Protein backbone atom coordinates (compact mmCIF):
# COMPACT_ATOMS: atom_id res chain seq x y z
CA MET A 1 0.00 0.00 0.00
CA ARG A 2 1.46 3.39 -1.04
CA LYS A 3 0.22 6.95 -0.84
CA LEU A 4 -0.60 8.35 -4.27
CA THR A 5 -1.58 11.96 -3.58
CA GLU A 6 -3.39 14.41 -1.31
CA LEU A 7 -6.46 16.43 -2.21
CA PRO A 8 -8.07 19.31 -0.34
CA SER A 9 -11.66 18.00 -0.59
CA GLU A 10 -13.30 14.68 0.14
CA ALA A 11 -15.39 14.90 -3.05
CA ASP A 12 -12.28 15.14 -5.23
CA ALA A 13 -10.63 12.27 -3.38
CA GLY A 14 -13.74 10.13 -3.83
CA HIS A 15 -13.93 10.87 -7.53
CA LEU A 16 -10.27 9.99 -7.98
CA VAL A 17 -10.87 6.67 -6.22
CA ASP A 18 -13.76 6.03 -8.64
CA ARG A 19 -11.55 6.77 -11.66
CA LEU A 20 -8.85 4.45 -10.36
CA LEU A 21 -11.36 1.66 -9.75
CA VAL A 22 -12.76 1.92 -13.29
CA ALA A 23 -9.15 1.68 -14.52
CA GLY A 24 -8.70 -1.53 -12.53
CA ILE A 25 -6.73 0.02 -9.67
CA ASP A 26 -7.88 -0.48 -6.08
CA SER A 27 -7.40 2.49 -3.77
CA GLU A 28 -8.82 4.05 -0.64
CA ILE A 29 -9.08 7.38 1.18
CA ARG A 30 -7.12 7.79 4.41
CA THR A 31 -6.99 10.61 6.97
CA ARG A 32 -8.87 13.88 6.69
CA ALA A 33 -8.10 17.42 5.53
CA PRO A 34 -6.11 16.90 3.39
CA TRP A 35 -7.65 13.71 2.05
CA GLU A 36 -4.99 11.15 1.19
CA VAL A 37 -5.54 8.62 -1.62
CA TRP A 38 -3.59 5.37 -1.21
CA VAL A 39 -3.07 2.68 -3.85
CA LEU A 40 -3.51 -0.77 -2.30
CA ASP A 41 -1.18 -2.67 -4.63
CA ASP A 42 2.31 -1.19 -5.03
CA ASP A 43 2.51 -2.62 -8.55
CA ASP A 44 -0.37 -0.35 -9.61
CA LEU A 45 1.40 2.82 -8.53
CA PRO A 46 3.01 3.68 -11.91
CA ARG A 47 -0.33 3.36 -13.76
CA ALA A 48 -2.06 5.37 -11.04
CA ALA A 49 0.54 8.12 -11.34
CA GLN A 50 -0.09 8.32 -15.09
CA LEU A 51 -3.85 8.53 -14.55
CA ILE A 52 -3.60 11.28 -11.94
CA ALA A 53 -1.64 13.44 -14.37
CA ASP A 54 -4.90 13.96 -16.29
CA PHE A 55 -7.08 14.31 -13.18
CA LYS A 56 -8.54 17.78 -12.62
CA PRO A 57 -9.99 18.52 -9.16
CA GLY A 58 -13.53 19.84 -9.31
CA GLU A 59 -14.48 18.02 -12.52
CA ARG A 60 -17.02 15.19 -12.37
CA ALA A 61 -17.69 12.42 -14.87
CA PRO A 62 -21.13 10.85 -14.21
CA ASP A 63 -20.31 7.83 -16.37
CA VAL A 64 -17.25 7.09 -14.20
CA VAL A 65 -19.33 7.36 -11.02
CA ARG A 66 -21.94 4.94 -12.40
CA ALA A 67 -19.32 2.48 -13.61
CA ALA A 68 -17.54 2.53 -10.24
CA ALA A 69 -20.83 1.95 -8.42
CA GLU A 70 -21.61 -1.07 -10.61
CA LEU A 71 -18.14 -2.52 -10.01
CA ARG A 72 -18.59 -2.18 -6.25
CA LYS A 73 -22.00 -3.84 -6.36
CA GLU A 74 -20.59 -6.76 -8.32
CA ARG A 75 -17.77 -7.16 -5.82
CA GLU A 76 -20.24 -7.10 -2.94
CA ARG A 77 -22.29 -9.83 -4.62
CA ARG A 78 -19.21 -12.02 -5.09
CA GLN A 79 -18.02 -11.42 -1.54
CA SER A 80 -21.47 -12.16 -0.17
CA ARG A 81 -21.60 -15.51 -1.97
CA ALA A 82 -18.11 -16.42 -0.74
CA GLY A 83 -18.87 -15.20 2.76
CA ARG A 84 -21.97 -17.37 3.10
CA ARG A 85 -19.84 -20.46 2.43
CA MET A 86 -17.33 -19.58 5.17
CA VAL A 87 -19.39 -17.79 7.81
CA VAL A 88 -20.15 -20.76 10.05
CA VAL A 89 -16.53 -21.85 10.51
CA ALA A 90 -15.20 -18.29 10.72
CA ASP A 91 -17.76 -17.17 13.28
CA ARG A 92 -17.12 -20.14 15.52
CA TRP A 93 -13.39 -19.52 15.54
CA ARG A 94 -13.23 -15.74 15.52
CA GLY A 95 -16.11 -15.04 17.87
CA GLY A 96 -18.73 -14.12 15.26
CA SER A 97 -19.67 -10.56 14.36
CA VAL A 98 -17.71 -7.63 15.70
CA ASP A 99 -20.94 -6.78 17.56
CA THR A 100 -20.86 -10.04 19.54
CA LEU A 101 -18.68 -11.15 22.41
CA GLY A 102 -15.92 -13.59 21.57
CA PRO A 103 -15.23 -16.47 23.97
CA VAL A 104 -12.19 -14.88 25.65
CA THR A 105 -13.89 -11.51 26.13
CA LEU A 106 -16.97 -13.26 27.48
CA PHE A 107 -14.81 -15.24 29.91
CA LEU A 108 -13.13 -12.06 31.18
CA VAL A 109 -16.44 -10.27 31.77
CA VAL A 110 -18.32 -13.19 33.31
CA GLY A 111 -15.33 -14.20 35.45
CA SER A 112 -14.95 -10.65 36.79
CA VAL A 113 -18.65 -10.40 37.64
CA LEU A 114 -18.70 -13.76 39.43
CA VAL A 115 -15.56 -12.98 41.44
CA ALA A 116 -17.00 -9.59 42.41
CA LEU A 117 -20.19 -11.22 43.67
CA TYR A 118 -18.45 -14.04 45.53
CA SER A 119 -15.90 -11.68 47.14
CA ASP A 120 -18.33 -8.90 48.08
CA PHE A 121 -16.50 -6.64 45.63
CA GLY A 122 -12.97 -7.29 46.78
CA ASP A 123 -13.36 -7.86 50.51
CA PRO A 124 -9.90 -9.12 51.57
CA ALA A 125 -11.47 -11.15 54.36
CA THR A 126 -12.94 -13.57 51.82
CA MET A 127 -11.08 -16.69 50.72
CA THR A 128 -11.94 -15.78 47.12
CA ILE A 129 -9.66 -12.74 47.24
CA GLN A 130 -6.89 -14.55 49.09
CA ASN A 131 -6.97 -17.45 46.61
CA LEU A 132 -6.95 -15.23 43.52
CA SER A 133 -4.41 -12.59 44.58
CA ILE A 134 -0.86 -13.03 43.35
CA GLU A 135 -0.06 -14.04 46.96
CA PRO A 136 -2.16 -14.09 50.15
CA TRP A 137 -2.16 -10.60 51.60
CA ASP A 138 -0.49 -11.72 54.83
CA SER A 139 2.29 -13.60 53.02
CA TYR A 140 5.87 -12.43 53.44
CA GLU A 141 7.47 -15.04 51.16
CA PHE A 142 8.27 -13.78 47.67
CA LEU A 143 5.92 -15.55 45.24
CA GLY A 144 5.74 -18.48 47.64
CA LYS A 145 2.40 -19.82 46.42
CA VAL A 146 3.40 -19.37 42.78
CA GLN A 147 6.62 -21.26 43.37
CA ASP A 148 4.59 -24.02 45.02
CA GLY A 149 2.71 -24.52 41.74
CA GLU A 150 -0.23 -22.08 42.00
CA VAL A 151 0.84 -20.34 38.81
CA TRP A 152 -2.69 -19.13 38.07
CA ARG A 153 -2.07 -16.42 40.67
CA LEU A 154 0.00 -14.55 38.09
CA VAL A 155 -3.21 -13.97 36.10
CA THR A 156 -6.20 -14.18 38.46
CA PRO A 157 -5.71 -10.76 40.16
CA MET A 158 -7.32 -9.26 37.03
CA PHE A 159 -10.68 -10.75 38.11
CA ILE A 160 -10.62 -8.90 41.46
CA HIS A 161 -12.55 -5.62 41.52
CA PHE A 162 -13.00 -3.21 44.40
CA GLY A 163 -16.46 -1.79 43.91
CA PRO A 164 -19.20 -1.71 41.25
CA LEU A 165 -17.72 1.26 39.33
CA HIS A 166 -14.33 -0.44 39.11
CA LEU A 167 -16.02 -3.56 37.74
CA LEU A 168 -18.27 -1.65 35.34
CA PHE A 169 -15.43 0.45 33.91
CA ASN A 170 -13.18 -2.54 33.19
CA CYS A 171 -15.91 -4.82 31.82
CA MET A 172 -17.20 -2.08 29.52
CA TRP A 173 -13.79 -1.48 27.98
CA ALA A 174 -12.91 -5.17 27.83
CA TRP A 175 -16.13 -5.70 25.86
CA GLN A 176 -15.55 -2.69 23.58
CA LEU A 177 -11.93 -3.53 22.76
CA GLY A 178 -11.80 -7.29 23.18
CA ARG A 179 -14.56 -8.06 20.70
CA GLN A 180 -12.67 -6.17 17.99
CA ILE A 181 -9.50 -8.15 18.64
CA GLU A 182 -11.28 -11.51 18.65
CA HIS A 183 -13.18 -10.62 15.49
CA ASN A 184 -10.14 -9.37 13.57
CA HIS A 185 -7.27 -11.45 14.96
CA GLY A 186 -8.98 -14.36 16.72
CA PRO A 187 -9.08 -15.68 20.32
CA LEU A 188 -5.47 -16.87 20.40
CA THR A 189 -4.22 -13.33 19.83
CA MET A 190 -6.65 -12.13 22.50
CA ILE A 191 -5.31 -14.68 24.99
CA GLY A 192 -1.73 -13.66 24.20
CA LEU A 193 -2.53 -9.98 24.71
CA VAL A 194 -4.25 -10.68 28.03
CA LEU A 195 -1.25 -12.63 29.34
CA LEU A 196 1.26 -10.11 28.00
CA SER A 197 -0.66 -7.23 29.56
CA GLU A 198 -1.39 -8.84 32.92
CA ILE A 199 1.66 -10.84 33.96
CA PRO A 200 4.58 -8.34 33.61
CA GLY A 201 2.51 -5.43 34.95
CA GLY A 202 1.16 -7.54 37.80
CA LEU A 203 4.64 -8.69 38.79
CA GLY A 204 5.87 -5.10 38.73
CA GLN A 205 2.97 -3.98 40.90
CA TYR A 206 3.63 -6.83 43.33
CA LEU A 207 7.30 -5.90 43.64
CA VAL A 208 6.40 -2.31 44.55
CA THR A 209 3.22 -2.55 46.61
CA GLY A 210 2.85 -6.19 47.59
CA PRO A 211 -0.07 -8.49 46.79
CA ASN A 212 -2.97 -6.21 47.76
CA PHE A 213 -4.04 -5.13 44.27
CA GLY A 214 -6.45 -6.29 41.61
CA GLY A 215 -8.46 -5.31 38.59
CA MET A 216 -8.50 -5.72 34.84
CA SER A 217 -7.32 -2.18 34.08
CA GLY A 218 -3.84 -3.35 33.06
CA VAL A 219 -5.42 -5.73 30.55
CA VAL A 220 -7.76 -2.97 29.35
CA TYR A 221 -4.82 -0.65 28.68
CA GLY A 222 -3.04 -3.47 26.87
CA LEU A 223 -6.08 -4.04 24.64
CA PHE A 224 -6.38 -0.29 24.10
CA GLY A 225 -2.73 0.04 23.06
CA PHE A 226 -3.06 -2.78 20.52
CA VAL A 227 -6.41 -1.59 19.09
CA TRP A 228 -5.18 2.01 18.85
CA MET A 229 -2.07 0.95 16.92
CA GLN A 230 -4.12 -1.13 14.49
CA ALA A 231 -6.80 1.52 13.97
CA ARG A 232 -4.28 4.29 13.41
CA TYR A 233 -1.59 2.52 11.38
CA ALA A 234 -3.34 -0.47 9.75
CA PRO A 235 -6.88 0.82 9.06
CA ALA A 236 -7.58 -1.86 6.47
CA ARG A 237 -7.82 -4.42 9.28
CA GLY A 238 -11.10 -2.95 10.49
CA TYR A 239 -10.25 -1.67 13.98
CA GLN A 240 -12.02 1.44 15.20
CA ILE A 241 -11.27 3.84 18.05
CA ASP A 242 -11.87 7.57 17.69
CA ASP A 243 -9.78 10.46 19.00
CA ARG A 244 -12.30 11.39 21.69
CA THR A 245 -12.23 7.89 23.16
CA THR A 246 -8.43 7.83 22.99
CA ALA A 247 -8.22 11.16 24.81
CA MET A 248 -10.66 10.02 27.49
CA ILE A 249 -8.75 6.79 28.17
CA MET A 250 -5.40 8.56 28.36
CA VAL A 251 -6.75 11.38 30.56
CA TRP A 252 -8.02 8.71 32.95
CA PHE A 253 -4.57 7.08 32.83
CA VAL A 254 -2.95 10.34 33.92
CA ALA A 255 -5.64 11.08 36.52
CA CYS A 256 -5.04 7.70 38.15
CA ALA A 257 -1.30 8.33 38.20
CA THR A 258 -1.72 11.61 40.13
CA GLY A 259 -2.95 9.74 43.22
CA LEU A 260 -6.00 12.00 43.51
CA LEU A 261 -8.33 9.05 42.88
CA GLY A 262 -6.92 6.95 45.71
CA PRO A 263 -4.60 3.93 45.71
CA ILE A 264 -4.48 2.52 42.17
CA ALA A 265 -2.26 -0.12 40.55
CA ASN A 266 -0.57 2.38 38.25
CA ILE A 267 2.35 0.10 37.43
CA GLY A 268 -0.16 -2.50 36.23
CA HIS A 269 -1.84 0.16 34.07
CA ALA A 270 1.45 1.32 32.60
CA GLY A 271 2.73 -2.23 32.07
CA GLY A 272 -0.42 -3.12 30.17
CA LEU A 273 -0.19 -0.02 27.97
CA VAL A 274 3.44 -0.78 27.11
CA ALA A 275 2.55 -4.39 26.28
CA GLY A 276 -0.30 -3.39 23.97
CA LEU A 277 1.77 -0.80 22.13
CA LEU A 278 4.62 -3.25 21.64
CA ALA A 279 2.21 -5.92 20.37
CA GLY A 280 0.97 -3.42 17.77
CA LEU A 281 4.49 -2.41 16.75
CA PRO A 282 4.45 -4.18 13.32
CA ALA A 283 1.64 -1.90 12.15
CA TYR A 284 3.57 1.16 13.31
CA VAL A 285 6.79 0.02 11.63
CA GLY A 286 4.91 -0.36 8.34
CA HIS A 287 3.59 3.18 8.74
CA LEU A 288 7.06 4.58 9.38
CA ARG A 289 8.42 2.74 6.34
CA ASP A 290 5.71 4.27 4.15
CA ARG A 291 6.45 7.67 5.66
CA ILE A 292 10.12 7.39 4.73
CA GLU A 293 9.34 6.24 1.19
CA GLU A 294 6.62 8.84 0.66
CA PRO A 295 7.33 11.87 2.90
CA GLU A 296 4.18 13.73 3.87
CA PHE A 297 5.84 17.09 3.30
CA ALA A 298 7.83 16.26 0.18
CA ALA A 299 8.84 19.31 -1.82
CA GLY A 300 6.04 20.57 -4.04
CA ASN A 301 3.19 18.36 -2.80
CA TRP A 302 -0.11 19.70 -1.46
CA ALA A 303 0.77 19.40 2.24
CA SER A 304 4.13 21.08 1.81
CA ILE A 305 2.50 24.09 0.16
CA ASN A 306 -0.73 24.44 2.16
CA VAL A 307 -0.14 23.10 5.70
CA ARG A 308 1.57 25.77 7.81
CA GLY A 309 2.07 26.94 11.37
CA GLY A 310 1.14 24.88 14.41
CA ARG A 311 -0.77 22.37 12.33
CA ARG A 312 2.33 21.58 10.28
CA LEU A 313 4.48 21.40 13.39
CA ALA A 314 2.07 18.88 14.98
CA ARG A 315 1.89 16.74 11.86
CA GLN A 316 5.66 16.67 11.45
CA PHE A 317 6.84 16.21 15.03
CA PHE A 318 3.94 15.09 17.23
CA THR A 319 1.28 13.09 15.38
CA PRO A 320 3.64 10.53 13.74
CA TYR A 321 5.24 9.74 17.09
CA VAL A 322 2.20 9.43 19.37
CA PRO A 323 3.07 5.79 20.28
CA LEU A 324 6.46 7.01 21.52
CA TRP A 325 4.76 9.72 23.59
CA PHE A 326 2.44 7.07 25.06
CA LEU A 327 5.42 4.87 25.92
CA LEU A 328 7.24 7.81 27.50
CA LEU A 329 4.17 8.60 29.59
CA ALA A 330 3.98 4.99 30.77
CA VAL A 331 7.66 5.05 31.74
CA VAL A 332 7.12 8.27 33.72
CA VAL A 333 4.18 6.72 35.59
CA ILE A 334 6.25 3.65 36.46
CA ALA A 335 9.16 5.83 37.62
CA LEU A 336 6.88 7.92 39.85
CA ASP A 337 5.48 4.79 41.52
CA LEU A 338 8.85 3.19 42.25
């Protein structure tokens, strides 16, 4: 996939995509203002470059629009026929529609609810909490129970929640993010992300504060980091998370780190975020490679001429490196808690 050009209006970008499709070249629109047109197959780039030489923004060809619409309808018919033959097997393995809960996400939500009910929302006096914590709260032996074979304790603290709001927040985000991962990457990837997000962060939290912590927030931040990387840098995979949601999740991350909201397992949060971002690193590397090959502000292109001031500064030095800013923020939170 390579960027072909940028256009100042969505209508022009859409019409160019139609012209490319009629010429047998698949493309798509990415980002907004300016609207970027990307060619999906690198081998089609030379032909696309020749076609764009004759493209005039503002002009419309109704016959091209109709032809492109017919081509899309025919593709949809073919895909629908092929999809009906595969839907049963695919849905069983990948957790069905993106609007349904996959098996791993369902297990996380149901398990958290049951543990909350059986433990009176994290009452340390209950055996449920003592059996699911990384170590019993009165234990002074480093990972004694884990070394004795109770290795599940490295994972089960994520099912412990201290209050209804804590439970509701984590289950809501696990459902929102986990179903996308199971739908697009499957349950094995989801399991791997859960383990990668929970175990290192949980061990770090245990080393600093002891065993009296719990919650699925570290896992949630791991899922968030992975989904955000996919949605931002590999949009063709179908992940979705908007800027408002991203800002809200990261503001909550910072608010928790301030200590104003009470004792919170911030190292678990930060460890999960780092794990999710690292798991999504291949998508980011592909983005950086495309950026090097096709610089956004190459001499003479639309962005170089029209994007100025603070907007240009942000797009050159901040926006492309948001994952690095997230990682830096996580490192700061860990350092403050040590």
